[in-house]
Amino acid sequence: MSEKPSFFAELKRRNVYKVAVAYAVVGWLLVQVATQVFPFFEIPNWAVRLIVLGIVIGFPIALVIAWAFELTPRESSGRKMRISPRKHARNRALGFTSRSSARFFRSDSSC
């Protein structure tokens, strides 16, 4: 019988560590730029807090996406990945939800 790989070995295989480090570095850079540049343009402090909150909320989402859509060099060699009908339905639902929320937030919200 083959052994099941450990959780941390699976994270490494799916490149979740790399995504976490890249996200943390880019998030840190965005926070630094926001805290330095926003006062110069007289942007209120709540905007910096909003950016930090978005980065914090987006971190676990990025990790889940990195886990779900594992991309290893073996799989990116040009062969097509097969998506099961269940995953396809989930992806369509995720796309619909993200487009709907983008339309909602993009619309004029003045009362």
Protein backbone atom coordinates (compact mmCIF):
# COMPACT_ATOMS: atom_id res chain seq x y z
CA MET A 1 0.00 0.00 0.00
CA SER A 2 1.19 3.48 -0.74
CA GLU A 3 1.40 5.92 2.10
CA LYS A 4 -0.67 9.04 2.06
CA PRO A 5 1.56 12.13 1.96
CA SER A 6 1.50 14.35 5.02
CA PHE A 7 -0.46 17.59 5.02
CA PHE A 8 2.66 19.74 4.84
CA ALA A 9 4.13 17.63 2.03
CA GLU A 10 0.89 18.14 0.11
CA LEU A 11 1.09 21.91 0.70
CA LYS A 12 4.61 21.90 -0.68
CA ARG A 13 3.63 19.78 -3.68
CA ARG A 14 0.77 22.13 -4.54
CA ASN A 15 3.03 25.21 -4.17
CA VAL A 16 0.83 26.71 -1.46
CA TYR A 17 3.94 27.83 0.42
CA LYS A 18 5.12 29.85 -2.56
CA VAL A 19 1.74 31.52 -2.95
CA ALA A 20 1.65 32.37 0.77
CA VAL A 21 5.10 33.95 0.67
CA ALA A 22 4.39 35.88 -2.53
CA TYR A 23 1.06 37.11 -1.16
CA ALA A 24 2.65 38.21 2.10
CA VAL A 25 5.43 40.11 0.30
CA VAL A 26 3.07 41.85 -2.12
CA GLY A 27 0.60 42.59 0.68
CA TRP A 28 3.33 44.09 2.84
CA LEU A 29 4.50 46.20 -0.09
CA LEU A 30 0.97 47.47 -0.77
CA VAL A 31 0.50 48.44 2.88
CA GLN A 32 3.83 50.26 2.91
CA VAL A 33 3.00 52.18 -0.26
CA ALA A 34 -0.47 53.04 1.03
CA THR A 35 0.79 54.34 4.36
CA GLN A 36 3.43 56.47 2.66
CA VAL A 37 1.52 57.78 -0.35
CA PHE A 38 -2.06 58.19 0.91
CA PRO A 39 -1.31 61.07 3.33
CA PHE A 40 0.46 62.93 0.52
CA PHE A 41 -2.73 62.85 -1.57
CA GLU A 42 -4.89 63.56 1.52
CA ILE A 43 -6.67 60.22 1.28
CA PRO A 44 -8.38 59.45 4.61
CA ASN A 45 -6.95 56.93 7.07
CA TRP A 46 -9.90 54.59 6.68
CA ALA A 47 -8.71 53.85 3.13
CA VAL A 48 -5.46 52.43 4.50
CA ARG A 49 -7.45 50.35 6.99
CA LEU A 50 -9.65 49.12 4.14
CA ILE A 51 -6.59 48.01 2.16
CA VAL A 52 -5.16 46.18 5.17
CA LEU A 53 -8.51 44.51 5.80
CA GLY A 54 -8.76 43.46 2.14
CA ILE A 55 -5.29 41.96 2.27
CA VAL A 56 -6.04 40.07 5.48
CA ILE A 57 -9.35 38.74 4.17
CA GLY A 58 -7.80 37.84 0.81
CA PHE A 59 -4.97 35.78 2.30
CA PRO A 60 -6.95 32.63 3.12
CA ILE A 61 -8.86 32.99 -0.15
CA ALA A 62 -5.56 33.03 -2.06
CA LEU A 63 -4.39 29.93 -0.21
CA VAL A 64 -7.61 28.06 -0.99
CA ILE A 65 -7.33 29.02 -4.66
CA ALA A 66 -3.68 27.91 -4.70
CA TRP A 67 -4.73 24.59 -3.18
CA ALA A 68 -7.67 24.08 -5.54
CA PHE A 69 -5.87 25.04 -8.73
CA GLU A 70 -2.56 23.36 -8.16
CA LEU A 71 -0.17 24.15 -10.97
CA THR A 72 3.01 22.15 -10.99
CA PRO A 73 5.61 22.16 -13.77
CA ARG A 74 4.45 18.67 -14.68
CA GLU A 75 0.92 19.93 -15.37
CA SER A 76 1.87 23.14 -17.15
CA SER A 77 3.80 21.34 -19.86
CA GLY A 78 1.09 21.93 -22.42
CA ARG A 79 -1.34 19.12 -21.77
CA LYS A 80 -4.88 20.12 -21.01
CA MET A 81 -6.19 19.58 -17.53
CA ARG A 82 -9.51 17.81 -17.29
CA ILE A 83 -12.10 19.43 -15.10
CA SER A 84 -14.80 17.28 -13.62
CA PRO A 85 -18.41 18.42 -14.11
CA ARG A 86 -18.67 19.15 -10.40
CA LYS A 87 -15.63 21.43 -10.47
CA HIS A 88 -16.89 23.03 -13.66
CA ALA A 89 -20.20 23.90 -11.99
CA ARG A 90 -18.37 25.28 -8.97
CA ASN A 91 -16.14 27.41 -11.19
CA ARG A 92 -19.16 28.77 -13.06
CA ALA A 93 -20.86 29.62 -9.76
CA LEU A 94 -17.70 31.34 -8.52
CA GLY A 95 -17.45 33.34 -11.75
CA PHE A 96 -21.09 34.37 -11.57
CA THR A 97 -20.74 35.43 -7.95
CA SER A 98 -17.60 37.47 -8.58
CA ARG A 99 -19.11 39.21 -11.62
CA SER A 100 -22.30 39.97 -9.71
CA SER A 101 -20.43 41.43 -6.76
CA ALA A 102 -18.24 43.50 -9.10
CA ARG A 103 -21.34 44.92 -10.77
CA PHE A 104 -22.88 45.64 -7.37
CA PHE A 105 -19.85 47.52 -6.06
CA ARG A 106 -19.24 49.29 -9.36
CA SER A 107 -22.78 50.68 -9.52
CA ASP A 108 -23.57 54.10 -8.13
CA SER A 109 -24.31 53.66 -4.43
CA SER A 110 -25.35 57.25 -3.67
CA CYS A 111 -28.71 57.48 -1.94
